[in-house]
Amino acid sequence: MKNTKVEKRARRKLHIRKNVNGTATKPRIFVFKSNKYFYAGIADDEKNMVIKSVMCKKNAKGIKDMATTFGKEVAKFDSAVFDRSGYRYHGLIQIFADELRASGVKI
């Protein structure tokens, strides 16, 4: 029995979320991709709330710009936990994470 892309991503997401939790001092950075847009946010899992969220058009230049401005918001915290939401670590996810690190966020 073959698993579909959606089922594979859901399985990876559950495996990741077992170990990744955000706190008030070390929040969780999460991402979501749709066909047109790329979303990212900062979450505090102890209080079950999203602190900040942003979105942009889905292209490499827009992701880099969003990540640098988003990195300034996350820089208020000492470090953060990166939740790739079951996506593979390549393409836009990798560009976003690299730009966050370049802007000074410890992931």
N, C-alpha and C. Protein backbone atom coordinates (compact mmCIF):
# COMPACT_ATOMS: atom_id res chain seq x y z
N MET A 1 0.84 -1.18 0.00
CA MET A 1 0.00 0.00 0.00
C MET A 1 0.89 1.24 0.00
N LYS A 2 0.71 2.10 -0.98
CA LYS A 2 1.50 3.31 -1.09
C LYS A 2 0.85 4.43 -0.32
N ASN A 3 1.68 5.24 0.30
CA ASN A 3 1.18 6.42 0.99
C ASN A 3 1.23 7.61 0.03
N THR A 4 0.25 8.48 0.13
CA THR A 4 0.24 9.67 -0.70
C THR A 4 1.18 10.72 -0.09
N LYS A 5 1.42 11.79 -0.83
CA LYS A 5 2.27 12.87 -0.33
C LYS A 5 1.71 13.45 0.96
N VAL A 6 0.41 13.61 1.01
CA VAL A 6 -0.24 14.19 2.19
C VAL A 6 -0.05 13.29 3.40
N GLU A 7 -0.21 12.00 3.21
CA GLU A 7 -0.04 11.05 4.32
C GLU A 7 1.41 11.01 4.80
N LYS A 8 2.35 11.08 3.88
CA LYS A 8 3.77 11.09 4.26
C LYS A 8 4.11 12.33 5.06
N ARG A 9 3.61 13.50 4.61
CA ARG A 9 3.88 14.74 5.33
C ARG A 9 3.25 14.72 6.71
N ALA A 10 2.03 14.20 6.83
CA ALA A 10 1.35 14.12 8.13
C ALA A 10 2.13 13.23 9.09
N ARG A 11 2.68 12.15 8.57
CA ARG A 11 3.46 11.26 9.42
C ARG A 11 4.75 11.93 9.90
N ARG A 12 5.44 12.63 8.98
CA ARG A 12 6.65 13.37 9.36
C ARG A 12 6.33 14.46 10.37
N LYS A 13 5.19 15.15 10.17
CA LYS A 13 4.81 16.24 11.07
C LYS A 13 4.58 15.73 12.49
N LEU A 14 3.88 14.63 12.64
CA LEU A 14 3.66 14.06 13.97
C LEU A 14 4.97 13.64 14.62
N HIS A 15 5.87 13.08 13.84
CA HIS A 15 7.16 12.65 14.37
C HIS A 15 7.97 13.84 14.87
N ILE A 16 7.91 14.95 14.15
CA ILE A 16 8.64 16.16 14.54
C ILE A 16 8.02 16.79 15.77
N ARG A 17 6.69 16.92 15.79
CA ARG A 17 6.02 17.63 16.87
C ARG A 17 6.08 16.89 18.21
N LYS A 18 6.42 15.60 18.20
CA LYS A 18 6.60 14.88 19.47
C LYS A 18 7.73 15.50 20.27
N ASN A 19 8.76 15.99 19.58
CA ASN A 19 9.97 16.46 20.25
C ASN A 19 10.14 17.97 20.27
N VAL A 20 9.39 18.70 19.48
CA VAL A 20 9.58 20.14 19.35
C VAL A 20 8.48 20.87 20.09
N ASN A 21 8.86 21.66 21.10
CA ASN A 21 7.91 22.47 21.85
C ASN A 21 8.50 23.85 22.05
N GLY A 22 7.65 24.87 21.96
CA GLY A 22 8.09 26.23 22.20
C GLY A 22 7.71 26.68 23.59
N THR A 23 8.55 27.53 24.16
CA THR A 23 8.28 28.09 25.48
C THR A 23 8.31 29.61 25.37
N ALA A 24 8.09 30.28 26.48
CA ALA A 24 8.12 31.75 26.46
C ALA A 24 9.53 32.27 26.19
N THR A 25 10.55 31.56 26.66
CA THR A 25 11.91 32.00 26.44
C THR A 25 12.51 31.47 25.14
N LYS A 26 12.02 30.32 24.68
CA LYS A 26 12.51 29.71 23.45
C LYS A 26 11.31 29.29 22.59
N PRO A 27 10.75 30.23 21.82
CA PRO A 27 9.52 29.93 21.08
C PRO A 27 9.76 29.01 19.89
N ARG A 28 8.66 28.51 19.34
CA ARG A 28 8.71 27.63 18.17
C ARG A 28 8.41 28.46 16.93
N ILE A 29 9.27 28.34 15.92
CA ILE A 29 9.03 28.99 14.63
C ILE A 29 8.45 27.93 13.70
N PHE A 30 7.25 28.16 13.21
CA PHE A 30 6.60 27.19 12.34
C PHE A 30 6.40 27.78 10.95
N VAL A 31 6.27 26.91 9.95
CA VAL A 31 6.09 27.34 8.57
C VAL A 31 4.93 26.57 7.94
N PHE A 32 4.33 27.16 6.91
CA PHE A 32 3.30 26.51 6.11
C PHE A 32 3.41 27.02 4.69
N LYS A 33 3.26 26.12 3.73
CA LYS A 33 3.32 26.50 2.32
C LYS A 33 1.98 26.16 1.67
N SER A 34 1.45 27.12 0.91
CA SER A 34 0.31 26.85 0.05
C SER A 34 0.79 26.98 -1.39
N ASN A 35 -0.11 26.89 -2.35
CA ASN A 35 0.31 27.00 -3.74
C ASN A 35 0.81 28.39 -4.09
N LYS A 36 0.28 29.43 -3.43
CA LYS A 36 0.68 30.80 -3.75
C LYS A 36 1.52 31.47 -2.69
N TYR A 37 1.34 31.10 -1.42
CA TYR A 37 1.93 31.86 -0.32
C TYR A 37 2.78 30.98 0.59
N PHE A 38 3.64 31.65 1.35
CA PHE A 38 4.50 31.03 2.35
C PHE A 38 4.21 31.74 3.67
N TYR A 39 3.87 30.99 4.69
CA TYR A 39 3.52 31.55 5.98
C TYR A 39 4.55 31.12 7.02
N ALA A 40 4.82 31.99 7.99
CA ALA A 40 5.69 31.65 9.11
C ALA A 40 5.15 32.32 10.36
N GLY A 41 5.43 31.74 11.49
CA GLY A 41 4.94 32.31 12.73
C GLY A 41 5.77 31.89 13.93
N ILE A 42 5.55 32.61 15.03
CA ILE A 42 6.21 32.31 16.30
C ILE A 42 5.11 31.87 17.26
N ALA A 43 5.32 30.72 17.91
CA ALA A 43 4.29 30.20 18.81
C ALA A 43 4.88 29.89 20.19
N ASP A 44 4.07 30.13 21.21
CA ASP A 44 4.39 29.74 22.58
C ASP A 44 3.45 28.60 22.93
N ASP A 45 3.98 27.37 23.00
CA ASP A 45 3.14 26.20 23.22
C ASP A 45 2.69 26.04 24.66
N GLU A 46 3.35 26.69 25.60
CA GLU A 46 2.91 26.62 26.99
C GLU A 46 1.58 27.37 27.18
N LYS A 47 1.44 28.50 26.50
CA LYS A 47 0.22 29.29 26.58
C LYS A 47 -0.73 29.01 25.43
N ASN A 48 -0.33 28.16 24.48
CA ASN A 48 -1.12 27.82 23.30
C ASN A 48 -1.54 29.06 22.53
N MET A 49 -0.55 29.91 22.18
CA MET A 49 -0.86 31.12 21.43
C MET A 49 0.22 31.43 20.41
N VAL A 50 -0.20 32.07 19.34
CA VAL A 50 0.72 32.52 18.31
C VAL A 50 1.11 33.95 18.63
N ILE A 51 2.41 34.19 18.73
CA ILE A 51 2.91 35.52 19.10
C ILE A 51 2.91 36.45 17.90
N LYS A 52 3.41 35.95 16.77
CA LYS A 52 3.53 36.77 15.56
C LYS A 52 3.44 35.86 14.36
N SER A 53 2.80 36.31 13.29
CA SER A 53 2.78 35.53 12.05
C SER A 53 2.90 36.48 10.86
N VAL A 54 3.53 35.98 9.80
CA VAL A 54 3.72 36.76 8.58
C VAL A 54 3.49 35.86 7.37
N MET A 55 3.27 36.48 6.21
CA MET A 55 3.11 35.73 4.98
C MET A 55 3.69 36.52 3.82
N CYS A 56 4.04 35.82 2.74
CA CYS A 56 4.54 36.47 1.54
C CYS A 56 4.24 35.59 0.34
N LYS A 57 4.43 36.17 -0.86
CA LYS A 57 4.28 35.39 -2.09
C LYS A 57 5.36 34.33 -2.12
N LYS A 58 5.10 33.25 -2.80
CA LYS A 58 5.98 32.10 -2.80
C LYS A 58 7.04 32.21 -3.90
N ASN A 59 8.16 32.90 -3.60
CA ASN A 59 9.34 32.93 -4.45
C ASN A 59 10.57 33.15 -3.58
N ALA A 60 11.73 32.86 -4.09
CA ALA A 60 12.94 32.88 -3.27
C ALA A 60 13.26 34.29 -2.77
N LYS A 61 13.08 35.32 -3.60
CA LYS A 61 13.39 36.69 -3.19
C LYS A 61 12.45 37.14 -2.07
N GLY A 62 11.17 36.83 -2.19
CA GLY A 62 10.21 37.20 -1.16
C GLY A 62 10.48 36.49 0.15
N ILE A 63 10.90 35.23 0.07
CA ILE A 63 11.21 34.45 1.28
C ILE A 63 12.41 35.06 2.00
N LYS A 64 13.43 35.45 1.24
CA LYS A 64 14.62 36.04 1.85
C LYS A 64 14.29 37.36 2.55
N ASP A 65 13.49 38.19 1.90
CA ASP A 65 13.09 39.47 2.50
C ASP A 65 12.25 39.24 3.75
N MET A 66 11.30 38.29 3.67
CA MET A 66 10.45 38.00 4.81
C MET A 66 11.27 37.45 5.97
N ALA A 67 12.24 36.58 5.67
CA ALA A 67 13.03 35.96 6.72
C ALA A 67 13.90 36.98 7.44
N THR A 68 14.43 37.96 6.73
CA THR A 68 15.27 38.96 7.39
C THR A 68 14.43 39.86 8.30
N THR A 69 13.24 40.27 7.85
CA THR A 69 12.39 41.09 8.71
C THR A 69 11.81 40.27 9.86
N PHE A 70 11.48 39.01 9.57
CA PHE A 70 10.96 38.12 10.61
C PHE A 70 12.05 37.81 11.63
N GLY A 71 13.30 37.72 11.17
CA GLY A 71 14.43 37.46 12.06
C GLY A 71 14.63 38.56 13.09
N LYS A 72 14.32 39.79 12.69
CA LYS A 72 14.43 40.91 13.64
C LYS A 72 13.41 40.77 14.76
N GLU A 73 12.23 40.25 14.43
CA GLU A 73 11.19 40.03 15.44
C GLU A 73 11.58 38.90 16.39
N VAL A 74 12.17 37.84 15.84
CA VAL A 74 12.56 36.69 16.64
C VAL A 74 13.83 37.00 17.45
N ALA A 75 14.61 37.98 17.02
CA ALA A 75 15.86 38.32 17.70
C ALA A 75 15.62 38.83 19.12
N LYS A 76 14.38 39.17 19.44
CA LYS A 76 14.05 39.59 20.81
C LYS A 76 14.27 38.44 21.79
N PHE A 77 14.16 37.21 21.31
CA PHE A 77 14.37 36.02 22.14
C PHE A 77 15.82 35.56 21.96
N ASP A 78 16.35 34.86 22.95
CA ASP A 78 17.73 34.38 22.85
C ASP A 78 17.89 33.36 21.73
N SER A 79 16.98 32.42 21.67
CA SER A 79 17.04 31.39 20.63
C SER A 79 15.62 30.89 20.37
N ALA A 80 15.48 30.06 19.34
CA ALA A 80 14.17 29.55 18.97
C ALA A 80 14.30 28.11 18.49
N VAL A 81 13.17 27.43 18.40
CA VAL A 81 13.11 26.07 17.89
C VAL A 81 12.43 26.12 16.53
N PHE A 82 13.01 25.47 15.53
CA PHE A 82 12.47 25.51 14.17
C PHE A 82 11.62 24.27 13.91
N ASP A 83 10.35 24.48 13.57
CA ASP A 83 9.42 23.42 13.23
C ASP A 83 9.13 23.50 11.74
N ARG A 84 9.62 22.54 10.98
CA ARG A 84 9.44 22.59 9.52
C ARG A 84 8.10 22.00 9.10
N SER A 85 7.26 21.61 10.03
CA SER A 85 5.88 21.15 9.79
C SER A 85 5.78 19.99 8.82
N GLY A 86 6.73 19.10 8.86
CA GLY A 86 6.67 17.91 8.02
C GLY A 86 7.21 18.09 6.62
N TYR A 87 7.60 19.32 6.26
CA TYR A 87 8.17 19.53 4.94
C TYR A 87 9.63 19.08 4.94
N ARG A 88 10.11 18.64 3.81
CA ARG A 88 11.51 18.27 3.70
C ARG A 88 12.37 19.52 3.80
N TYR A 89 13.58 19.35 4.31
CA TYR A 89 14.48 20.49 4.52
C TYR A 89 15.25 20.78 3.23
N HIS A 90 14.57 21.36 2.26
CA HIS A 90 15.20 21.81 1.02
C HIS A 90 14.29 22.87 0.39
N GLY A 91 14.80 23.57 -0.59
CA GLY A 91 14.00 24.57 -1.27
C GLY A 91 13.69 25.77 -0.38
N LEU A 92 12.42 26.16 -0.35
CA LEU A 92 12.02 27.36 0.39
C LEU A 92 12.23 27.22 1.89
N ILE A 93 12.04 26.02 2.41
CA ILE A 93 12.25 25.80 3.85
C ILE A 93 13.71 26.03 4.21
N GLN A 94 14.62 25.52 3.41
CA GLN A 94 16.05 25.70 3.65
C GLN A 94 16.45 27.17 3.50
N ILE A 95 15.94 27.84 2.48
CA ILE A 95 16.24 29.26 2.29
C ILE A 95 15.76 30.07 3.49
N PHE A 96 14.55 29.79 3.97
CA PHE A 96 14.01 30.50 5.13
C PHE A 96 14.86 30.29 6.37
N ALA A 97 15.24 29.04 6.64
CA ALA A 97 16.04 28.74 7.83
C ALA A 97 17.43 29.37 7.73
N ASP A 98 18.04 29.32 6.57
CA ASP A 98 19.36 29.93 6.39
C ASP A 98 19.32 31.44 6.57
N GLU A 99 18.28 32.08 6.06
CA GLU A 99 18.16 33.53 6.22
C GLU A 99 17.89 33.91 7.68
N LEU A 100 17.14 33.09 8.41
CA LEU A 100 16.95 33.36 9.83
C LEU A 100 18.27 33.28 10.58
N ARG A 101 19.07 32.26 10.27
CA ARG A 101 20.38 32.14 10.91
C ARG A 101 21.29 33.31 10.54
N ALA A 102 21.22 33.75 9.29
CA ALA A 102 22.04 34.87 8.85
C ALA A 102 21.65 36.18 9.55
N SER A 103 20.37 36.31 9.92
CA SER A 103 19.93 37.51 10.62
C SER A 103 20.16 37.44 12.12
N GLY A 104 20.78 36.37 12.60
CA GLY A 104 21.18 36.31 14.00
C GLY A 104 20.31 35.46 14.91
N VAL A 105 19.38 34.72 14.38
CA VAL A 105 18.51 33.87 15.20
C VAL A 105 19.21 32.53 15.42
N LYS A 106 19.28 32.09 16.67
CA LYS A 106 19.88 30.80 16.98
C LYS A 106 18.81 29.73 16.91
N ILE A 107 18.92 28.88 15.88
CA ILE A 107 17.95 27.79 15.70
C ILE A 107 18.60 26.49 16.08
